[in-house]
Amino acid sequence: MSAILPPQERVWWKQPLDRVELIWIVVALIWCLIMFFMMPYWHIYGQQNLSNEAYRSKPEDFVRKTEAMIAQYKVREDGGDLKVPVVRPPAGSDVYMVAQLWRWYPILELEAGKSYRIHLMSLDWLHGFSLQPENINIQVHPGYEHVLTVTPTNPGTYSIICNEYCGINHHTMVSRLYVVK
């Protein structure tokens, strides 16, 4: 097809379809259908995406639950000059973690092989909860309590970073998660 043809002859859908073009269209359509149906399969059977819950919640209530958990399960403080409590809740319990400019509060110490429900909430801006080197990535919205169930398997120290830009000190919004035997 040429641009110098009269307009009535430049209508592409009235032009004959070449065999190679038809093959590429069919291949692309089949590939799109395969990918479309594989997305739910990967979510359910591939264990790549967390099925988390989210509830509307008041920040004051969430802070109250977090402080009660810290008072009950605090084992020590970490963090040099900025003392951050480290909590070690029992297996199977609900664990609360606050995102606030520019910190995660408190530091968690979990037991390997045991399941926990981690509740996350931002008190101010949108933050991102990214557990490294694992592939856990949750957006933490203000006014919503995000709940995810985790079962840590390997002991060690894991990094928690905020991966949603939250202001001038965004790069300092890091924490740790300890997994012990």
C-alpha atoms as a PDB file:
ATOM      1  CA  MET A   1       0.000   0.000   0.000  1.00  0.00           C
ATOM      2  CA  SER A   2       1.315   3.411  -0.851  1.00  0.00           C
ATOM      3  CA  ALA A   3       0.612   6.879   0.528  1.00  0.00           C
ATOM      4  CA  ILE A   4       0.357   8.290  -2.983  1.00  0.00           C
ATOM      5  CA  LEU A   5      -2.762   6.262  -3.783  1.00  0.00           C
ATOM      6  CA  PRO A   6      -6.138   8.025  -3.725  1.00  0.00           C
ATOM      7  CA  PRO A   7      -7.839   7.905  -0.267  1.00  0.00           C
ATOM      8  CA  GLN A   8     -10.463   5.290  -1.218  1.00  0.00           C
ATOM      9  CA  GLU A   9      -7.656   2.856  -2.165  1.00  0.00           C
ATOM     10  CA  ARG A  10      -5.668   3.513   1.070  1.00  0.00           C
ATOM     11  CA  VAL A  11      -8.254   1.898   3.380  1.00  0.00           C
ATOM     12  CA  TRP A  12      -6.139  -0.875   4.932  1.00  0.00           C
ATOM     13  CA  TRP A  13      -8.968  -3.174   5.968  1.00  0.00           C
ATOM     14  CA  LYS A  14     -10.147  -3.456   2.384  1.00  0.00           C
ATOM     15  CA  GLN A  15      -6.759  -4.664   1.195  1.00  0.00           C
ATOM     16  CA  PRO A  16      -6.209  -8.415   0.729  1.00  0.00           C
ATOM     17  CA  LEU A  17      -4.543 -10.143   3.666  1.00  0.00           C
ATOM     18  CA  ASP A  18      -1.244 -11.838   2.936  1.00  0.00           C
ATOM     19  CA  ARG A  19      -0.756 -15.403   4.214  1.00  0.00           C
ATOM     20  CA  VAL A  20       2.244 -14.427   6.404  1.00  0.00           C
ATOM     21  CA  GLU A  21       0.231 -11.611   8.021  1.00  0.00           C
ATOM     22  CA  LEU A  22      -2.586 -14.027   8.800  1.00  0.00           C
ATOM     23  CA  ILE A  23      -0.141 -16.469  10.410  1.00  0.00           C
ATOM     24  CA  TRP A  24       1.282 -13.704  12.643  1.00  0.00           C
ATOM     25  CA  ILE A  25      -2.201 -12.541  13.654  1.00  0.00           C
ATOM     26  CA  VAL A  26      -3.230 -16.095  14.583  1.00  0.00           C
ATOM     27  CA  VAL A  27       0.011 -16.702  16.519  1.00  0.00           C
ATOM     28  CA  ALA A  28      -0.426 -13.420  18.421  1.00  0.00           C
ATOM     29  CA  LEU A  29      -4.052 -14.204  19.243  1.00  0.00           C
ATOM     30  CA  ILE A  30      -3.211 -17.707  20.485  1.00  0.00           C
ATOM     31  CA  TRP A  31      -0.347 -16.327  22.611  1.00  0.00           C
ATOM     32  CA  CYS A  32      -2.640 -13.669  24.132  1.00  0.00           C
ATOM     33  CA  LEU A  33      -5.216 -16.309  25.035  1.00  0.00           C
ATOM     34  CA  ILE A  34      -2.566 -18.547  26.592  1.00  0.00           C
ATOM     35  CA  MET A  35      -1.226 -15.686  28.720  1.00  0.00           C
ATOM     36  CA  PHE A  36      -4.751 -14.596  29.698  1.00  0.00           C
ATOM     37  CA  PHE A  37      -5.646 -18.043  31.034  1.00  0.00           C
ATOM     38  CA  MET A  38      -2.232 -18.590  32.635  1.00  0.00           C
ATOM     39  CA  MET A  39      -2.535 -15.532  34.916  1.00  0.00           C
ATOM     40  CA  PRO A  40      -5.124 -17.107  37.255  1.00  0.00           C
ATOM     41  CA  TYR A  41      -3.263 -20.418  37.058  1.00  0.00           C
ATOM     42  CA  TRP A  42       0.028 -18.765  38.153  1.00  0.00           C
ATOM     43  CA  HIS A  43      -1.745 -16.949  40.966  1.00  0.00           C
ATOM     44  CA  ILE A  44      -3.387 -20.093  42.352  1.00  0.00           C
ATOM     45  CA  TYR A  45      -0.803 -22.816  41.645  1.00  0.00           C
ATOM     46  CA  GLY A  46       2.422 -20.906  41.008  1.00  0.00           C
ATOM     47  CA  GLN A  47       2.741 -19.447  44.522  1.00  0.00           C
ATOM     48  CA  GLN A  48       4.078 -16.210  43.055  1.00  0.00           C
ATOM     49  CA  ASN A  49       1.515 -13.737  44.317  1.00  0.00           C
ATOM     50  CA  LEU A  50       0.362 -13.338  47.872  1.00  0.00           C
ATOM     51  CA  SER A  51      -3.343 -13.371  48.512  1.00  0.00           C
ATOM     52  CA  ASN A  52      -3.530 -10.580  51.025  1.00  0.00           C
ATOM     53  CA  GLU A  53      -6.532  -9.033  52.717  1.00  0.00           C
ATOM     54  CA  ALA A  54      -7.263  -5.346  53.247  1.00  0.00           C
ATOM     55  CA  TYR A  55      -9.699  -3.712  55.646  1.00  0.00           C
ATOM     56  CA  ARG A  56     -10.618  -0.128  56.353  1.00  0.00           C
ATOM     57  CA  SER A  57      -9.307   0.723  59.777  1.00  0.00           C
ATOM     58  CA  LYS A  58      -8.712   3.754  61.967  1.00  0.00           C
ATOM     59  CA  PRO A  59      -5.042   4.644  62.499  1.00  0.00           C
ATOM     60  CA  GLU A  60      -5.633   5.209  66.235  1.00  0.00           C
ATOM     61  CA  ASP A  61      -7.002   1.675  66.643  1.00  0.00           C
ATOM     62  CA  PHE A  62      -4.119   0.189  64.661  1.00  0.00           C
ATOM     63  CA  VAL A  63      -1.518   2.060  66.748  1.00  0.00           C
ATOM     64  CA  ARG A  64      -3.248   0.875  69.922  1.00  0.00           C
ATOM     65  CA  LYS A  65      -3.048  -2.778  68.742  1.00  0.00           C
ATOM     66  CA  THR A  66       0.605  -2.303  67.737  1.00  0.00           C
ATOM     67  CA  GLU A  67       1.561  -0.797  71.105  1.00  0.00           C
ATOM     68  CA  ALA A  68      -0.250  -3.604  72.950  1.00  0.00           C
ATOM     69  CA  MET A  69       1.674  -6.192  70.913  1.00  0.00           C
ATOM     70  CA  ILE A  70       4.972  -4.413  71.652  1.00  0.00           C
ATOM     71  CA  ALA A  71       4.198  -4.240  75.385  1.00  0.00           C
ATOM     72  CA  GLN A  72       3.402  -7.957  75.457  1.00  0.00           C
ATOM     73  CA  TYR A  73       6.154  -9.425  73.223  1.00  0.00           C
ATOM     74  CA  LYS A  74       9.128  -7.005  73.333  1.00  0.00           C
ATOM     75  CA  VAL A  75      12.467  -8.830  73.737  1.00  0.00           C
ATOM     76  CA  ARG A  76      14.992  -6.013  73.205  1.00  0.00           C
ATOM     77  CA  GLU A  77      15.694  -2.781  71.355  1.00  0.00           C
ATOM     78  CA  ASP A  78      17.709  -2.369  68.160  1.00  0.00           C
ATOM     79  CA  GLY A  79      18.819   0.476  65.965  1.00  0.00           C
ATOM     80  CA  GLY A  80      21.710   2.360  67.562  1.00  0.00           C
ATOM     81  CA  ASP A  81      20.656   5.898  68.554  1.00  0.00           C
ATOM     82  CA  LEU A  82      17.093   5.429  67.333  1.00  0.00           C
ATOM     83  CA  LYS A  83      15.857   2.692  69.633  1.00  0.00           C
ATOM     84  CA  VAL A  84      13.299   0.498  67.864  1.00  0.00           C
ATOM     85  CA  PRO A  85      11.640  -2.325  69.813  1.00  0.00           C
ATOM     86  CA  VAL A  86      12.151  -5.891  68.617  1.00  0.00           C
ATOM     87  CA  VAL A  87       9.141  -8.131  69.234  1.00  0.00           C
ATOM     88  CA  ARG A  88       8.967 -11.916  69.187  1.00  0.00           C
ATOM     89  CA  PRO A  89       5.312 -12.939  69.099  1.00  0.00           C
ATOM     90  CA  PRO A  90       4.233 -16.579  69.482  1.00  0.00           C
ATOM     91  CA  ALA A  91       3.632 -18.679  66.377  1.00  0.00           C
ATOM     92  CA  GLY A  92       0.239 -18.277  64.763  1.00  0.00           C
ATOM     93  CA  SER A  93      -0.376 -14.844  66.218  1.00  0.00           C
ATOM     94  CA  ASP A  94      -1.301 -11.561  64.612  1.00  0.00           C
ATOM     95  CA  VAL A  95       1.695  -9.262  64.202  1.00  0.00           C
ATOM     96  CA  TYR A  96       1.318  -5.515  63.678  1.00  0.00           C
ATOM     97  CA  MET A  97       3.719  -3.254  61.808  1.00  0.00           C
ATOM     98  CA  VAL A  98       3.365   0.489  61.238  1.00  0.00           C
ATOM     99  CA  ALA A  99       4.683   2.407  58.223  1.00  0.00           C
ATOM    100  CA  GLN A 100       5.307   6.055  58.957  1.00  0.00           C
ATOM    101  CA  LEU A 101       7.592   8.694  57.489  1.00  0.00           C
ATOM    102  CA  TRP A 102      10.464   7.292  57.395  1.00  0.00           C
ATOM    103  CA  ARG A 103      10.416   4.145  59.435  1.00  0.00           C
ATOM    104  CA  TRP A 104       8.904   0.711  59.937  1.00  0.00           C
ATOM    105  CA  TYR A 105       7.852   0.071  63.518  1.00  0.00           C
ATOM    106  CA  PRO A 106       8.570  -2.351  65.299  1.00  0.00           C
ATOM    107  CA  ILE A 107      11.206  -4.857  64.184  1.00  0.00           C
ATOM    108  CA  LEU A 108       9.858  -8.405  64.010  1.00  0.00           C
ATOM    109  CA  GLU A 109      11.578 -11.604  65.124  1.00  0.00           C
ATOM    110  CA  LEU A 110       9.707 -14.636  63.807  1.00  0.00           C
ATOM    111  CA  GLU A 111      10.277 -18.358  64.219  1.00  0.00           C
ATOM    112  CA  ALA A 112      11.178 -20.401  61.131  1.00  0.00           C
ATOM    113  CA  GLY A 113       8.536 -22.854  59.988  1.00  0.00           C
ATOM    114  CA  LYS A 114       5.686 -21.126  61.879  1.00  0.00           C
ATOM    115  CA  SER A 115       2.890 -19.066  60.295  1.00  0.00           C
ATOM    116  CA  TYR A 116       2.088 -15.494  61.209  1.00  0.00           C
ATOM    117  CA  ARG A 117      -0.479 -12.947  60.064  1.00  0.00           C
ATOM    118  CA  ILE A 118       1.337  -9.660  59.478  1.00  0.00           C
ATOM    119  CA  HIS A 119      -0.902  -6.585  59.652  1.00  0.00           C
ATOM    120  CA  LEU A 120       0.491  -3.491  57.914  1.00  0.00           C
ATOM    121  CA  MET A 121      -0.814   0.070  57.946  1.00  0.00           C
ATOM    122  CA  SER A 122       0.526   3.442  56.897  1.00  0.00           C
ATOM    123  CA  LEU A 123      -0.223   6.378  59.161  1.00  0.00           C
ATOM    124  CA  ASP A 124       0.552   9.114  56.645  1.00  0.00           C
ATOM    125  CA  TRP A 125       1.412   8.403  52.971  1.00  0.00           C
ATOM    126  CA  LEU A 126       1.450   5.516  50.547  1.00  0.00           C
ATOM    127  CA  HIS A 127       4.379   3.230  51.368  1.00  0.00           C
ATOM    128  CA  GLY A 128       5.636   0.000  49.837  1.00  0.00           C
ATOM    129  CA  PHE A 129       6.462  -3.063  51.939  1.00  0.00           C
ATOM    130  CA  SER A 130       9.164  -5.014  50.144  1.00  0.00           C
ATOM    131  CA  LEU A 131      10.775  -7.957  51.920  1.00  0.00           C
ATOM    132  CA  GLN A 132      14.199  -8.669  50.456  1.00  0.00           C
ATOM    133  CA  PRO A 133      15.483 -11.054  49.117  1.00  0.00           C
ATOM    134  CA  GLU A 134      12.025 -12.677  49.078  1.00  0.00           C
ATOM    135  CA  ASN A 135       9.490 -11.677  46.466  1.00  0.00           C
ATOM    136  CA  ILE A 136       6.980 -10.023  48.811  1.00  0.00           C
ATOM    137  CA  ASN A 137       5.797  -6.624  47.681  1.00  0.00           C
ATOM    138  CA  ILE A 138       2.704  -4.919  49.130  1.00  0.00           C
ATOM    139  CA  GLN A 139       1.467  -1.353  48.748  1.00  0.00           C
ATOM    140  CA  VAL A 140       0.540  -0.039  52.189  1.00  0.00           C
ATOM    141  CA  HIS A 141      -2.209   2.584  52.046  1.00  0.00           C
ATOM    142  CA  PRO A 142      -3.200   4.982  54.822  1.00  0.00           C
ATOM    143  CA  GLY A 143      -6.510   4.042  56.436  1.00  0.00           C
ATOM    144  CA  TYR A 144      -6.303   0.403  55.320  1.00  0.00           C
ATOM    145  CA  GLU A 145      -5.055  -2.556  57.303  1.00  0.00           C
ATOM    146  CA  HIS A 146      -3.276  -4.952  54.956  1.00  0.00           C
ATOM    147  CA  VAL A 147      -2.987  -8.521  56.215  1.00  0.00           C
ATOM    148  CA  LEU A 148      -0.733 -11.172  54.751  1.00  0.00           C
ATOM    149  CA  THR A 149       0.004 -14.648  56.036  1.00  0.00           C
ATOM    150  CA  VAL A 150       3.653 -15.665  55.938  1.00  0.00           C
ATOM    151  CA  THR A 151       5.554 -18.766  56.963  1.00  0.00           C
ATOM    152  CA  PRO A 152       9.284 -17.991  57.066  1.00  0.00           C
ATOM    153  CA  THR A 153      11.351 -21.051  56.199  1.00  0.00           C
ATOM    154  CA  ASN A 154      15.002 -19.991  56.305  1.00  0.00           C
ATOM    155  CA  PRO A 155      16.590 -18.435  59.400  1.00  0.00           C
ATOM    156  CA  GLY A 156      18.430 -15.177  58.824  1.00  0.00           C
ATOM    157  CA  THR A 157      18.097 -11.420  58.685  1.00  0.00           C
ATOM    158  CA  TYR A 158      15.829 -10.002  55.983  1.00  0.00           C
ATOM    159  CA  SER A 159      15.557  -6.403  54.837  1.00  0.00           C
ATOM    160  CA  ILE A 160      12.325  -4.466  54.686  1.00  0.00           C
ATOM    161  CA  ILE A 161      12.394  -1.447  52.407  1.00  0.00           C
ATOM    162  CA  CYS A 162       9.844   1.087  51.275  1.00  0.00           C
ATOM    163  CA  ASN A 163       9.650   0.934  47.494  1.00  0.00           C
ATOM    164  CA  GLU A 164       7.050   3.682  47.006  1.00  0.00           C
ATOM    165  CA  TYR A 165       8.551   7.171  47.010  1.00  0.00           C
ATOM    166  CA  CYS A 166       7.366   8.796  50.222  1.00  0.00           C
ATOM    167  CA  GLY A 167       9.392  11.972  50.516  1.00  0.00           C
ATOM    168  CA  ILE A 168      12.842  13.432  51.008  1.00  0.00           C
ATOM    169  CA  ASN A 169      14.095  10.685  53.384  1.00  0.00           C
ATOM    170  CA  HIS A 170      12.505   7.800  51.481  1.00  0.00           C
ATOM    171  CA  HIS A 171      15.919   6.160  51.105  1.00  0.00           C
ATOM    172  CA  THR A 172      16.196   5.823  54.905  1.00  0.00           C
ATOM    173  CA  MET A 173      12.915   3.918  55.326  1.00  0.00           C
ATOM    174  CA  VAL A 174      14.451   0.516  55.944  1.00  0.00           C
ATOM    175  CA  SER A 175      14.059  -2.096  58.651  1.00  0.00           C
ATOM    176  CA  ARG A 176      14.871  -5.710  59.391  1.00  0.00           C
ATOM    177  CA  LEU A 177      12.962  -8.903  59.995  1.00  0.00           C
ATOM    178  CA  TYR A 178      14.728 -11.618  61.935  1.00  0.00           C
ATOM    179  CA  VAL A 179      13.889 -15.277  61.391  1.00  0.00           C
ATOM    180  CA  VAL A 180      15.222 -17.593  64.114  1.00  0.00           C
ATOM    181  CA  LYS A 181      15.160 -21.368  64.587  1.00  0.00           C
END
